[in-house]
N, C-alpha and C. Protein backbone atom coordinates (compact mmCIF):
# COMPACT_ATOMS: atom_id res chain seq x y z
N PHE A 1 -25.76 -32.97 34.13
CA PHE A 1 -24.89 -32.01 34.79
C PHE A 1 -23.47 -32.22 34.29
N THR A 2 -22.82 -31.12 33.87
CA THR A 2 -21.43 -31.17 33.41
C THR A 2 -20.58 -30.31 34.34
N PHE A 3 -19.48 -30.87 34.76
CA PHE A 3 -18.57 -30.15 35.64
C PHE A 3 -17.32 -29.73 34.85
N THR A 4 -17.00 -28.44 34.89
CA THR A 4 -15.79 -27.94 34.24
C THR A 4 -14.85 -27.43 35.32
N PRO A 5 -13.67 -28.03 35.44
CA PRO A 5 -12.73 -27.59 36.47
C PRO A 5 -12.32 -26.13 36.25
N MET A 6 -12.05 -25.42 37.35
CA MET A 6 -11.67 -24.01 37.30
C MET A 6 -10.43 -23.77 36.44
N CYS A 7 -9.48 -24.72 36.48
CA CYS A 7 -8.25 -24.52 35.70
C CYS A 7 -8.58 -24.44 34.22
N CYS A 8 -9.56 -25.21 33.77
CA CYS A 8 -9.94 -25.17 32.35
C CYS A 8 -10.65 -23.86 32.02
N LEU A 9 -11.49 -23.35 32.95
CA LEU A 9 -12.17 -22.09 32.72
C LEU A 9 -11.17 -20.94 32.63
N LYS A 10 -10.14 -20.95 33.49
CA LYS A 10 -9.12 -19.90 33.44
C LYS A 10 -8.38 -19.93 32.10
N LYS A 11 -8.04 -21.15 31.64
CA LYS A 11 -7.35 -21.27 30.36
C LYS A 11 -8.23 -20.73 29.24
N TYR A 12 -9.53 -21.08 29.28
CA TYR A 12 -10.45 -20.58 28.26
C TYR A 12 -10.53 -19.06 28.31
N TYR A 13 -10.63 -18.49 29.53
CA TYR A 13 -10.69 -17.04 29.67
C TYR A 13 -9.42 -16.39 29.12
N ASP A 14 -8.26 -16.94 29.45
CA ASP A 14 -7.00 -16.39 28.95
C ASP A 14 -6.95 -16.41 27.43
N MET A 15 -7.39 -17.51 26.82
CA MET A 15 -7.38 -17.61 25.36
C MET A 15 -8.35 -16.61 24.75
N SER A 16 -9.56 -16.52 25.29
CA SER A 16 -10.55 -15.61 24.71
C SER A 16 -10.12 -14.16 24.91
N HIS A 17 -9.49 -13.86 26.04
CA HIS A 17 -9.00 -12.51 26.29
C HIS A 17 -7.92 -12.13 25.26
N THR A 18 -7.05 -13.07 24.94
CA THR A 18 -6.00 -12.84 23.95
C THR A 18 -6.61 -12.60 22.57
N VAL A 19 -7.63 -13.40 22.23
CA VAL A 19 -8.29 -13.25 20.93
C VAL A 19 -8.98 -11.89 20.85
N VAL A 20 -9.68 -11.48 21.91
CA VAL A 20 -10.35 -10.18 21.93
C VAL A 20 -9.33 -9.06 21.80
N LYS A 21 -8.20 -9.19 22.49
CA LYS A 21 -7.15 -8.17 22.40
C LYS A 21 -6.60 -8.10 20.97
N ALA A 22 -6.38 -9.25 20.33
CA ALA A 22 -5.89 -9.27 18.95
C ALA A 22 -6.90 -8.65 18.01
N LEU A 23 -8.20 -8.91 18.23
CA LEU A 23 -9.24 -8.33 17.38
C LEU A 23 -9.31 -6.81 17.56
N ASP A 24 -9.10 -6.33 18.80
CA ASP A 24 -9.06 -4.88 19.03
C ASP A 24 -7.96 -4.23 18.21
N VAL A 25 -6.78 -4.83 18.18
CA VAL A 25 -5.67 -4.29 17.39
C VAL A 25 -6.02 -4.34 15.92
N LEU A 26 -6.62 -5.46 15.47
CA LEU A 26 -7.02 -5.60 14.07
C LEU A 26 -8.02 -4.51 13.70
N ASP A 27 -8.99 -4.24 14.57
CA ASP A 27 -9.97 -3.17 14.32
C ASP A 27 -9.28 -1.82 14.20
N ASN A 28 -8.25 -1.58 15.00
CA ASN A 28 -7.54 -0.31 14.96
C ASN A 28 -6.74 -0.12 13.67
N THR A 29 -6.46 -1.21 12.97
CA THR A 29 -5.70 -1.09 11.72
C THR A 29 -6.58 -0.71 10.54
N TYR A 30 -7.89 -0.75 10.71
CA TYR A 30 -8.83 -0.46 9.61
C TYR A 30 -8.99 1.05 9.44
N LEU A 31 -8.94 1.51 8.21
CA LEU A 31 -9.13 2.92 7.88
C LEU A 31 -10.24 3.03 6.84
N PRO A 32 -11.39 3.58 7.21
CA PRO A 32 -12.47 3.70 6.23
C PRO A 32 -12.21 4.85 5.26
N PRO A 33 -12.78 4.78 4.07
CA PRO A 33 -12.62 5.90 3.13
C PRO A 33 -13.43 7.11 3.61
N LEU A 34 -12.91 8.30 3.37
CA LEU A 34 -13.62 9.51 3.78
C LEU A 34 -14.41 10.14 2.64
N ASP A 35 -14.03 9.84 1.41
CA ASP A 35 -14.69 10.43 0.25
C ASP A 35 -15.68 9.44 -0.36
N ALA A 36 -16.79 9.96 -0.83
CA ALA A 36 -17.79 9.12 -1.49
C ALA A 36 -17.27 8.64 -2.84
N ASP A 37 -17.76 7.51 -3.28
CA ASP A 37 -17.39 7.04 -4.62
C ASP A 37 -17.76 8.10 -5.64
N GLY A 38 -16.88 8.29 -6.61
CA GLY A 38 -17.12 9.28 -7.63
C GLY A 38 -16.50 10.63 -7.32
N THR A 39 -15.94 10.80 -6.11
CA THR A 39 -15.25 12.05 -5.77
C THR A 39 -14.04 12.19 -6.69
N THR A 40 -13.81 13.39 -7.18
CA THR A 40 -12.66 13.61 -8.06
C THR A 40 -11.49 14.14 -7.25
N SER A 41 -10.34 14.12 -7.87
CA SER A 41 -9.11 14.58 -7.25
C SER A 41 -9.21 16.03 -6.78
N ALA A 42 -9.98 16.85 -7.48
CA ALA A 42 -10.07 18.28 -7.17
C ALA A 42 -10.66 18.55 -5.79
N ASN A 43 -11.55 17.69 -5.31
CA ASN A 43 -12.19 17.95 -4.01
C ASN A 43 -12.07 16.77 -3.04
N ALA A 44 -11.05 15.97 -3.21
CA ALA A 44 -10.87 14.78 -2.36
C ALA A 44 -10.06 15.10 -1.11
N THR A 45 -10.17 14.24 -0.12
CA THR A 45 -9.41 14.34 1.12
C THR A 45 -8.08 13.62 0.95
N ASP A 46 -6.99 14.25 1.37
CA ASP A 46 -5.67 13.62 1.29
C ASP A 46 -5.53 12.62 2.45
N MET A 47 -5.45 11.34 2.12
CA MET A 47 -5.37 10.27 3.13
C MET A 47 -3.94 9.82 3.40
N THR A 48 -2.95 10.49 2.83
CA THR A 48 -1.56 10.08 2.98
C THR A 48 -1.16 9.97 4.44
N ALA A 49 -1.39 11.02 5.22
CA ALA A 49 -0.97 11.05 6.63
C ALA A 49 -1.72 10.00 7.46
N ALA A 50 -3.01 9.81 7.18
CA ALA A 50 -3.80 8.84 7.94
C ALA A 50 -3.31 7.40 7.70
N ILE A 51 -3.01 7.08 6.43
CA ILE A 51 -2.49 5.74 6.12
C ILE A 51 -1.12 5.55 6.76
N ARG A 52 -0.28 6.55 6.63
CA ARG A 52 1.06 6.47 7.21
C ARG A 52 1.00 6.32 8.73
N ALA A 53 0.08 6.98 9.38
CA ALA A 53 -0.06 6.87 10.84
C ALA A 53 -0.43 5.44 11.25
N LYS A 54 -1.35 4.82 10.51
CA LYS A 54 -1.71 3.42 10.80
C LYS A 54 -0.49 2.51 10.61
N LEU A 55 0.27 2.75 9.53
CA LEU A 55 1.45 1.93 9.28
C LEU A 55 2.49 2.12 10.39
N ALA A 56 2.69 3.35 10.81
CA ALA A 56 3.68 3.63 11.84
C ALA A 56 3.27 3.07 13.20
N THR A 57 1.99 3.09 13.51
CA THR A 57 1.51 2.63 14.82
C THR A 57 1.34 1.12 14.88
N TYR A 58 0.73 0.53 13.85
CA TYR A 58 0.36 -0.88 13.90
C TYR A 58 1.14 -1.77 12.94
N GLY A 59 1.84 -1.17 11.97
CA GLY A 59 2.57 -1.96 10.99
C GLY A 59 1.69 -2.46 9.86
N ILE A 60 0.41 -2.16 9.94
CA ILE A 60 -0.54 -2.60 8.92
C ILE A 60 -1.64 -1.55 8.80
N CYS A 61 -2.11 -1.36 7.58
CA CYS A 61 -3.27 -0.51 7.35
C CYS A 61 -4.22 -1.28 6.45
N ARG A 62 -5.39 -1.59 6.97
CA ARG A 62 -6.41 -2.29 6.18
C ARG A 62 -7.38 -1.24 5.64
N LEU A 63 -7.59 -1.28 4.34
CA LEU A 63 -8.45 -0.30 3.67
C LEU A 63 -9.73 -0.98 3.20
N GLY A 64 -10.84 -0.30 3.39
CA GLY A 64 -12.11 -0.84 2.93
C GLY A 64 -12.37 -0.51 1.47
N LYS A 65 -13.55 -0.85 1.02
CA LYS A 65 -13.94 -0.54 -0.36
C LYS A 65 -14.16 0.97 -0.44
N GLY A 66 -13.56 1.58 -1.46
CA GLY A 66 -13.72 3.01 -1.63
C GLY A 66 -12.43 3.65 -2.14
N GLN A 67 -12.43 4.98 -2.19
CA GLN A 67 -11.32 5.75 -2.74
C GLN A 67 -10.46 6.34 -1.63
N TYR A 68 -9.14 6.27 -1.81
CA TYR A 68 -8.18 6.85 -0.87
C TYR A 68 -7.18 7.65 -1.71
N TYR A 69 -7.28 8.97 -1.69
CA TYR A 69 -6.35 9.82 -2.45
C TYR A 69 -5.08 10.05 -1.64
N VAL A 70 -3.94 9.94 -2.31
CA VAL A 70 -2.65 10.17 -1.65
C VAL A 70 -1.80 11.11 -2.50
N SER A 71 -0.81 11.70 -1.85
CA SER A 71 0.08 12.62 -2.55
C SER A 71 1.52 12.11 -2.56
N GLY A 72 1.69 10.80 -2.41
CA GLY A 72 3.01 10.18 -2.37
C GLY A 72 3.21 9.51 -1.02
N LEU A 73 2.98 8.23 -0.94
CA LEU A 73 3.01 7.50 0.33
C LEU A 73 4.28 6.67 0.44
N ASP A 74 5.13 7.00 1.41
CA ASP A 74 6.33 6.22 1.69
C ASP A 74 5.99 5.21 2.78
N MET A 75 6.12 3.92 2.45
CA MET A 75 5.83 2.88 3.43
C MET A 75 7.02 2.70 4.37
N PRO A 76 6.80 2.75 5.68
CA PRO A 76 7.89 2.50 6.61
C PRO A 76 8.33 1.03 6.57
N TYR A 77 9.43 0.73 7.18
CA TYR A 77 10.00 -0.61 7.26
C TYR A 77 8.99 -1.60 7.82
N ASN A 78 8.90 -2.79 7.20
CA ASN A 78 8.11 -3.92 7.69
C ASN A 78 6.64 -3.57 7.90
N THR A 79 6.01 -3.03 6.88
CA THR A 79 4.60 -2.66 6.98
C THR A 79 3.80 -3.24 5.81
N SER A 80 2.47 -3.24 5.97
CA SER A 80 1.58 -3.80 4.95
C SER A 80 0.37 -2.90 4.73
N ILE A 81 0.00 -2.74 3.47
CA ILE A 81 -1.25 -2.10 3.10
C ILE A 81 -2.11 -3.18 2.45
N ILE A 82 -3.27 -3.44 3.03
CA ILE A 82 -4.14 -4.52 2.56
C ILE A 82 -5.52 -3.95 2.27
N GLY A 83 -5.98 -4.14 1.06
CA GLY A 83 -7.29 -3.65 0.66
C GLY A 83 -8.35 -4.73 0.69
N SER A 84 -9.47 -4.42 0.07
CA SER A 84 -10.61 -5.34 -0.02
C SER A 84 -10.86 -5.71 -1.46
N GLY A 85 -9.79 -5.95 -2.21
CA GLY A 85 -9.92 -6.28 -3.63
C GLY A 85 -9.88 -5.01 -4.47
N ARG A 86 -10.27 -5.14 -5.73
CA ARG A 86 -10.18 -4.03 -6.67
C ARG A 86 -11.08 -2.86 -6.30
N ALA A 87 -12.06 -3.10 -5.43
CA ALA A 87 -12.95 -2.02 -5.00
C ALA A 87 -12.24 -1.04 -4.06
N THR A 88 -11.08 -1.41 -3.54
CA THR A 88 -10.24 -0.49 -2.77
C THR A 88 -9.32 0.21 -3.76
N GLN A 89 -9.46 1.52 -3.86
CA GLN A 89 -8.71 2.29 -4.85
C GLN A 89 -7.85 3.35 -4.17
N ILE A 90 -6.53 3.20 -4.31
CA ILE A 90 -5.61 4.24 -3.87
C ILE A 90 -5.29 5.06 -5.10
N LYS A 91 -5.57 6.37 -5.03
CA LYS A 91 -5.42 7.23 -6.20
C LYS A 91 -4.42 8.34 -5.92
N LEU A 92 -3.60 8.63 -6.92
CA LEU A 92 -2.66 9.74 -6.83
C LEU A 92 -3.37 11.02 -7.27
N PHE A 93 -3.24 12.08 -6.45
CA PHE A 93 -3.87 13.35 -6.81
C PHE A 93 -3.42 13.78 -8.20
N ASP A 94 -4.36 14.30 -8.99
CA ASP A 94 -4.04 14.79 -10.32
C ASP A 94 -3.03 15.93 -10.28
N SER A 95 -3.00 16.68 -9.19
CA SER A 95 -2.09 17.82 -9.07
C SER A 95 -0.63 17.40 -8.86
N THR A 96 -0.40 16.11 -8.58
CA THR A 96 0.97 15.60 -8.43
C THR A 96 1.53 15.34 -9.82
N THR A 97 2.35 16.26 -10.32
CA THR A 97 2.86 16.12 -11.69
C THR A 97 4.07 15.20 -11.76
N ASN A 98 4.87 15.15 -10.72
CA ASN A 98 6.01 14.25 -10.66
C ASN A 98 5.97 13.54 -9.32
N GLY A 99 5.99 12.24 -9.34
CA GLY A 99 5.95 11.52 -8.09
C GLY A 99 5.40 10.12 -8.25
N TYR A 100 4.86 9.62 -7.18
CA TYR A 100 4.41 8.24 -7.12
C TYR A 100 3.25 8.12 -6.16
N CYS A 101 2.53 7.05 -6.31
CA CYS A 101 1.43 6.76 -5.40
C CYS A 101 2.01 6.14 -4.12
N ILE A 102 2.81 5.07 -4.27
CA ILE A 102 3.39 4.37 -3.12
C ILE A 102 4.85 4.06 -3.40
N ARG A 103 5.70 4.30 -2.41
CA ARG A 103 7.09 3.88 -2.49
C ARG A 103 7.34 2.83 -1.42
N MET A 104 7.74 1.65 -1.86
CA MET A 104 8.04 0.55 -0.94
C MET A 104 9.49 0.66 -0.50
N THR A 105 9.72 0.41 0.78
CA THR A 105 11.09 0.44 1.27
C THR A 105 11.54 -0.97 1.63
N ARG A 106 11.55 -1.32 2.89
CA ARG A 106 12.09 -2.60 3.32
C ARG A 106 11.00 -3.47 3.95
N GLN A 107 10.91 -4.70 3.47
CA GLN A 107 9.96 -5.70 3.96
C GLN A 107 8.53 -5.16 3.99
N CYS A 108 8.10 -4.62 2.87
CA CYS A 108 6.75 -4.07 2.73
C CYS A 108 5.88 -5.00 1.90
N THR A 109 4.58 -4.94 2.16
CA THR A 109 3.61 -5.72 1.39
C THR A 109 2.46 -4.81 0.96
N ILE A 110 2.09 -4.93 -0.31
CA ILE A 110 0.89 -4.28 -0.84
C ILE A 110 0.03 -5.40 -1.40
N ARG A 111 -1.23 -5.46 -0.94
CA ARG A 111 -2.06 -6.62 -1.30
C ARG A 111 -3.52 -6.23 -1.46
N ASP A 112 -4.16 -6.85 -2.45
CA ASP A 112 -5.61 -6.81 -2.62
C ASP A 112 -6.18 -5.40 -2.79
N LEU A 113 -5.69 -4.66 -3.81
CA LEU A 113 -6.22 -3.33 -4.05
C LEU A 113 -5.90 -2.86 -5.46
N GLN A 114 -6.43 -1.68 -5.78
CA GLN A 114 -6.18 -1.04 -7.07
C GLN A 114 -5.44 0.27 -6.82
N ILE A 115 -4.47 0.58 -7.68
CA ILE A 115 -3.74 1.84 -7.60
C ILE A 115 -3.99 2.58 -8.91
N GLN A 116 -4.48 3.81 -8.79
CA GLN A 116 -4.92 4.54 -9.98
C GLN A 116 -4.21 5.89 -10.08
N GLY A 117 -3.74 6.20 -11.30
CA GLY A 117 -2.97 7.40 -11.53
C GLY A 117 -3.77 8.66 -11.76
N GLN A 118 -4.90 8.56 -12.40
CA GLN A 118 -5.74 9.73 -12.61
C GLN A 118 -7.16 9.26 -12.78
N ASP A 119 -8.09 10.21 -12.68
CA ASP A 119 -9.50 9.86 -12.69
C ASP A 119 -10.00 9.36 -14.03
N THR A 120 -9.33 9.75 -15.13
CA THR A 120 -9.74 9.30 -16.45
C THR A 120 -8.64 8.42 -17.03
N ASN A 121 -9.00 7.62 -18.00
CA ASN A 121 -8.01 6.72 -18.61
C ASN A 121 -6.92 7.51 -19.32
N TYR A 122 -5.67 7.08 -19.13
CA TYR A 122 -4.55 7.69 -19.83
C TYR A 122 -4.46 6.98 -21.17
N THR A 123 -4.64 7.71 -22.27
CA THR A 123 -4.78 7.06 -23.57
C THR A 123 -3.67 7.37 -24.56
N ASP A 124 -2.76 8.29 -24.25
CA ASP A 124 -1.76 8.71 -25.23
C ASP A 124 -0.58 7.75 -25.23
N ALA A 125 -0.77 6.56 -25.78
CA ALA A 125 0.25 5.53 -25.76
C ALA A 125 1.45 5.85 -26.64
N TYR A 126 1.30 6.76 -27.59
CA TYR A 126 2.37 7.06 -28.54
C TYR A 126 3.00 8.43 -28.32
N ALA A 127 2.80 9.02 -27.14
CA ALA A 127 3.33 10.36 -26.85
C ALA A 127 4.86 10.31 -26.81
N ASP A 128 5.46 11.44 -27.16
CA ASP A 128 6.91 11.60 -27.03
C ASP A 128 7.26 11.46 -25.55
N ILE A 129 8.18 10.57 -25.22
CA ILE A 129 8.52 10.28 -23.83
C ILE A 129 9.00 11.52 -23.08
N SER A 130 9.63 12.48 -23.77
CA SER A 130 10.12 13.69 -23.10
C SER A 130 8.98 14.60 -22.65
N SER A 131 7.79 14.43 -23.22
CA SER A 131 6.67 15.29 -22.84
C SER A 131 5.80 14.67 -21.75
N ILE A 132 6.11 13.46 -21.34
CA ILE A 132 5.31 12.78 -20.33
C ILE A 132 5.89 13.04 -18.95
N ASP A 133 5.03 13.42 -18.01
CA ASP A 133 5.51 13.61 -16.65
C ASP A 133 5.83 12.25 -16.02
N THR A 134 6.37 12.26 -14.86
CA THR A 134 6.78 11.00 -14.24
C THR A 134 5.88 10.66 -13.07
N ARG A 135 4.64 10.37 -13.38
CA ARG A 135 3.68 9.91 -12.38
C ARG A 135 3.72 8.39 -12.39
N ASN A 136 4.10 7.80 -11.26
CA ASN A 136 4.29 6.36 -11.16
C ASN A 136 3.36 5.76 -10.12
N GLY A 137 3.02 4.49 -10.33
CA GLY A 137 2.17 3.79 -9.37
C GLY A 137 2.96 3.39 -8.13
N ILE A 138 3.74 2.33 -8.25
CA ILE A 138 4.59 1.84 -7.16
C ILE A 138 6.04 2.05 -7.55
N ILE A 139 6.82 2.57 -6.64
CA ILE A 139 8.26 2.70 -6.85
C ILE A 139 8.95 1.75 -5.88
N TRP A 140 9.85 0.94 -6.43
CA TRP A 140 10.67 0.04 -5.62
C TRP A 140 12.11 0.24 -6.07
N ILE A 141 12.91 0.84 -5.22
CA ILE A 141 14.30 1.12 -5.56
C ILE A 141 15.21 0.29 -4.68
N ALA A 142 15.82 -0.72 -5.28
CA ALA A 142 16.78 -1.54 -4.55
C ALA A 142 18.07 -0.75 -4.50
N ASN A 143 18.72 -0.73 -3.35
CA ASN A 143 19.89 0.10 -3.19
C ASN A 143 20.92 -0.61 -2.34
N LYS A 144 21.52 -1.62 -2.91
CA LYS A 144 22.47 -2.45 -2.18
C LYS A 144 23.63 -1.63 -1.61
N SER A 145 24.14 -0.70 -2.38
CA SER A 145 25.34 0.03 -1.94
C SER A 145 25.01 1.16 -0.98
N GLY A 146 23.79 1.65 -0.99
CA GLY A 146 23.42 2.76 -0.12
C GLY A 146 24.01 4.08 -0.56
N THR A 147 24.48 4.17 -1.81
CA THR A 147 25.16 5.39 -2.26
C THR A 147 24.20 6.46 -2.76
N GLU A 148 22.99 6.12 -3.16
CA GLU A 148 22.05 7.14 -3.60
C GLU A 148 21.48 7.87 -2.39
N ALA A 149 21.31 9.15 -2.53
CA ALA A 149 20.85 9.98 -1.42
C ALA A 149 19.54 9.47 -0.83
N ASP A 150 19.46 9.42 0.45
CA ASP A 150 18.30 9.08 1.29
C ASP A 150 17.57 7.79 0.95
N LEU A 151 18.20 6.88 0.25
CA LEU A 151 17.55 5.61 -0.05
C LEU A 151 18.13 4.50 0.84
N PRO A 152 17.27 3.82 1.59
CA PRO A 152 17.77 2.75 2.46
C PRO A 152 18.08 1.49 1.65
N ASN A 153 18.83 0.57 2.24
CA ASN A 153 19.00 -0.74 1.62
C ASN A 153 17.64 -1.43 1.64
N ILE A 154 17.28 -2.02 0.52
CA ILE A 154 15.97 -2.65 0.38
C ILE A 154 16.05 -4.11 0.79
N GLU A 155 15.03 -4.59 1.48
CA GLU A 155 14.90 -6.00 1.82
C GLU A 155 13.63 -6.51 1.14
N PRO A 156 13.40 -7.81 1.14
CA PRO A 156 12.29 -8.38 0.36
C PRO A 156 10.95 -7.69 0.57
N CYS A 157 10.27 -7.41 -0.54
CA CYS A 157 8.95 -6.80 -0.54
C CYS A 157 8.00 -7.68 -1.36
N THR A 158 6.69 -7.51 -1.13
CA THR A 158 5.69 -8.34 -1.80
C THR A 158 4.58 -7.47 -2.37
N ILE A 159 4.20 -7.77 -3.61
CA ILE A 159 3.03 -7.18 -4.24
C ILE A 159 2.14 -8.35 -4.65
N ASP A 160 0.90 -8.37 -4.15
CA ASP A 160 0.01 -9.51 -4.41
C ASP A 160 -1.40 -9.02 -4.71
N ASN A 161 -1.95 -9.49 -5.81
CA ASN A 161 -3.32 -9.19 -6.22
C ASN A 161 -3.56 -7.67 -6.29
N VAL A 162 -2.74 -7.01 -7.10
CA VAL A 162 -2.80 -5.56 -7.25
C VAL A 162 -3.06 -5.22 -8.72
N TYR A 163 -3.94 -4.25 -8.93
CA TYR A 163 -4.31 -3.77 -10.26
C TYR A 163 -3.87 -2.31 -10.34
N ILE A 164 -3.02 -1.96 -11.32
CA ILE A 164 -2.50 -0.61 -11.46
C ILE A 164 -2.93 -0.06 -12.81
N LYS A 165 -3.45 1.18 -12.83
CA LYS A 165 -3.88 1.75 -14.11
C LYS A 165 -3.76 3.27 -14.12
N ASN A 166 -3.72 3.80 -15.35
CA ASN A 166 -3.80 5.24 -15.63
C ASN A 166 -2.63 6.05 -15.10
N PHE A 167 -1.41 5.56 -15.27
CA PHE A 167 -0.23 6.34 -14.92
C PHE A 167 0.49 6.74 -16.19
N SER A 168 0.91 7.99 -16.28
CA SER A 168 1.64 8.45 -17.45
C SER A 168 3.11 8.02 -17.40
N GLY A 169 3.61 7.72 -16.20
CA GLY A 169 4.96 7.16 -16.05
C GLY A 169 4.85 5.65 -16.03
N SER A 170 5.40 5.02 -15.02
CA SER A 170 5.38 3.56 -14.90
C SER A 170 4.33 3.12 -13.89
N GLY A 171 3.68 2.01 -14.18
CA GLY A 171 2.80 1.41 -13.19
C GLY A 171 3.62 0.89 -12.03
N LEU A 172 4.73 0.19 -12.38
CA LEU A 172 5.68 -0.31 -11.38
C LEU A 172 7.07 0.10 -11.84
N TYR A 173 7.72 0.95 -11.08
CA TYR A 173 9.05 1.43 -11.42
C TYR A 173 10.06 0.74 -10.51
N MET A 174 11.02 0.04 -11.11
CA MET A 174 12.06 -0.66 -10.35
C MET A 174 13.41 -0.13 -10.79
N HIS A 175 14.28 0.17 -9.81
CA HIS A 175 15.57 0.77 -10.11
C HIS A 175 16.64 0.11 -9.24
N ASN A 176 17.85 -0.04 -9.78
CA ASN A 176 18.97 -0.68 -9.06
C ASN A 176 18.59 -2.07 -8.57
N THR A 177 18.00 -2.87 -9.43
CA THR A 177 17.49 -4.17 -9.00
C THR A 177 18.49 -5.31 -9.15
N GLY A 178 19.67 -5.07 -9.63
CA GLY A 178 20.63 -6.16 -9.86
C GLY A 178 21.57 -6.42 -8.70
N GLY A 179 21.13 -6.18 -7.50
CA GLY A 179 22.01 -6.29 -6.34
C GLY A 179 22.11 -7.68 -5.76
N GLY A 180 22.41 -7.73 -4.50
CA GLY A 180 22.65 -9.00 -3.80
C GLY A 180 21.38 -9.66 -3.35
N THR A 181 21.52 -10.64 -2.46
CA THR A 181 20.38 -11.46 -2.05
C THR A 181 19.41 -10.72 -1.15
N GLN A 182 19.80 -9.60 -0.58
CA GLN A 182 18.87 -8.84 0.25
C GLN A 182 17.74 -8.24 -0.57
N GLU A 183 18.02 -7.90 -1.82
CA GLU A 183 17.03 -7.24 -2.64
C GLU A 183 16.16 -8.27 -3.35
N ALA A 184 14.88 -8.28 -3.04
CA ALA A 184 13.96 -9.21 -3.69
C ALA A 184 12.57 -8.59 -3.71
N LEU A 185 11.89 -8.76 -4.82
CA LEU A 185 10.51 -8.31 -4.94
C LEU A 185 9.69 -9.48 -5.43
N SER A 186 8.78 -9.93 -4.62
CA SER A 186 7.91 -11.05 -4.97
C SER A 186 6.59 -10.46 -5.49
N ILE A 187 6.26 -10.82 -6.75
CA ILE A 187 5.05 -10.29 -7.38
C ILE A 187 4.15 -11.46 -7.78
N THR A 188 2.88 -11.39 -7.31
CA THR A 188 1.90 -12.38 -7.66
C THR A 188 0.63 -11.67 -8.09
N ASN A 189 0.10 -12.05 -9.25
CA ASN A 189 -1.18 -11.52 -9.73
C ASN A 189 -1.19 -9.99 -9.79
N LEU A 190 -0.29 -9.44 -10.59
CA LEU A 190 -0.20 -8.00 -10.79
C LEU A 190 -0.64 -7.67 -12.22
N THR A 191 -1.58 -6.73 -12.35
CA THR A 191 -2.02 -6.27 -13.66
C THR A 191 -1.71 -4.79 -13.77
N ILE A 192 -1.07 -4.39 -14.88
CA ILE A 192 -0.78 -2.99 -15.12
C ILE A 192 -1.39 -2.60 -16.45
N ARG A 193 -2.21 -1.56 -16.46
CA ARG A 193 -2.86 -1.09 -17.69
C ARG A 193 -2.55 0.34 -17.93
């Protein structure tokens, strides 16, 4: 026979209740893909608003294995997009001729996913630069002075275990990066093709 005092049971209940509550929030941050693998840009679902809603509500959006088409995703302050490795693919719609897949602002993290510019490999490595549109993977614009229109001051951001491919512009576009100590971009295990 083992006796457990009531005070210990209450503490256990409080701890388990907190863990269950934390897991409920974690479950709410998950966004499953809506399109089957192999879906092309022409008939895909735009997931931009759904991802942004998770970021705005929970500060994090966890993506499963699959395709997520976006038309230009601006990450709000202090948010994270976390995938399930390279099998999580965020793709820019082919119809977006000028723009970006993701724009990081302040204290943002992108981790464990693939960002893809178009459904087929971009192969024209020797094209005249003036004829190439500006489709970019990730845009990070440091703006210490705040003088450029609608750009906030950037604070440290993180890119970790990200694979970027098939963009006619830049895989990672960085602008105004020579500022003060507030502007920092930590990059670990980034591949751009």
